[in-house]
């Protein structure tokens, strides 16, 4: 858990935020930037385009790891 970073949301676009995560990186997306349900639905939509993510809920928001 020590290698988890917090992602800085520069543009309010869940898809762009998730795409900006490098393969193999794990980040926390805070609920104040992107709501967890929106991030999860975006992950589902991006998985149809070939992206792969692992997500897990946490008190601050959502822990997301980009797999592919």
Protein backbone atom coordinates (compact mmCIF):
# COMPACT_ATOMS: atom_id res chain seq x y z
CA UNK A 1 0.00 0.00 0.00
CA UNK A 2 3.01 2.32 0.19
CA UNK A 3 3.24 2.75 -3.57
CA UNK A 4 -0.26 4.20 -4.00
CA UNK A 5 -0.31 7.74 -5.36
CA UNK A 6 -3.07 10.30 -5.50
CA UNK A 7 -3.88 11.40 -9.01
CA UNK A 8 -4.20 15.13 -9.71
CA UNK A 9 -7.29 15.78 -11.79
CA UNK A 10 -6.41 18.55 -14.22
CA UNK A 11 -9.41 18.14 -16.48
CA UNK A 12 -12.82 17.05 -15.23
CA UNK A 13 -13.08 14.06 -17.50
CA UNK A 14 -13.23 10.63 -15.89
CA UNK A 15 -12.08 8.92 -19.09
CA UNK A 16 -9.06 11.20 -19.52
CA UNK A 17 -8.18 10.83 -15.84
CA UNK A 18 -8.23 7.03 -16.07
CA UNK A 19 -6.34 7.00 -19.36
CA UNK A 20 -3.61 9.18 -17.82
CA UNK A 21 -2.73 6.42 -15.34
CA UNK A 22 0.35 4.54 -16.53
CA UNK A 23 0.16 0.76 -16.91
CA UNK A 24 1.01 -0.88 -13.59
CA UNK A 25 0.44 2.26 -11.50
CA UNK A 26 -2.01 2.35 -8.61
CA UNK A 27 -3.68 5.64 -7.73
CA UNK A 28 -6.44 6.97 -5.51
CA UNK A 29 -9.13 8.98 -7.25
CA UNK A 30 -10.76 11.10 -4.58
CA UNK A 31 -14.54 11.39 -4.47
CA UNK A 32 -14.36 15.17 -4.47
CA UNK A 33 -12.84 15.04 -7.99
CA UNK A 34 -14.67 12.11 -9.59
CA UNK A 35 -17.44 10.17 -7.84
CA UNK A 36 -16.80 6.45 -7.41
CA UNK A 37 -19.89 5.37 -9.34
CA UNK A 38 -18.90 7.56 -12.30
CA UNK A 39 -15.34 6.19 -12.23
CA UNK A 40 -16.62 2.60 -12.13
CA UNK A 41 -18.97 3.13 -15.07
CA UNK A 42 -16.15 4.80 -17.00
CA UNK A 43 -13.89 1.81 -16.23
CA UNK A 44 -16.59 -0.46 -17.63
CA UNK A 45 -16.92 1.66 -20.77
CA UNK A 46 -13.14 1.82 -21.30
CA UNK A 47 -12.83 -1.94 -20.87
CA UNK A 48 -14.85 -2.32 -24.07
CA UNK A 49 -12.19 -0.23 -25.83
CA UNK A 50 -9.31 -2.44 -24.66
CA UNK A 51 -8.29 -0.78 -21.39
CA UNK A 52 -8.12 -2.86 -18.22
CA UNK A 53 -8.40 -1.57 -14.66
CA UNK A 54 -8.76 -3.00 -11.17
CA UNK A 55 -10.73 -0.86 -8.72
CA UNK A 56 -11.34 -1.08 -4.99
CA UNK A 57 -13.28 1.23 -2.71
CA UNK A 58 -11.51 3.11 0.08
CA UNK A 59 -12.55 5.87 2.52
CA UNK A 60 -10.98 8.62 0.39
CA UNK A 61 -12.52 7.47 -2.88
CA UNK A 62 -11.49 4.72 -5.26
CA UNK A 63 -8.19 2.86 -5.58
CA UNK A 64 -7.55 2.17 -9.25
CA UNK A 65 -4.78 0.09 -10.79
CA UNK A 66 -4.32 0.12 -14.54
CA UNK A 67 -3.59 -3.37 -15.79
CA UNK A 68 -3.47 -2.77 -19.53
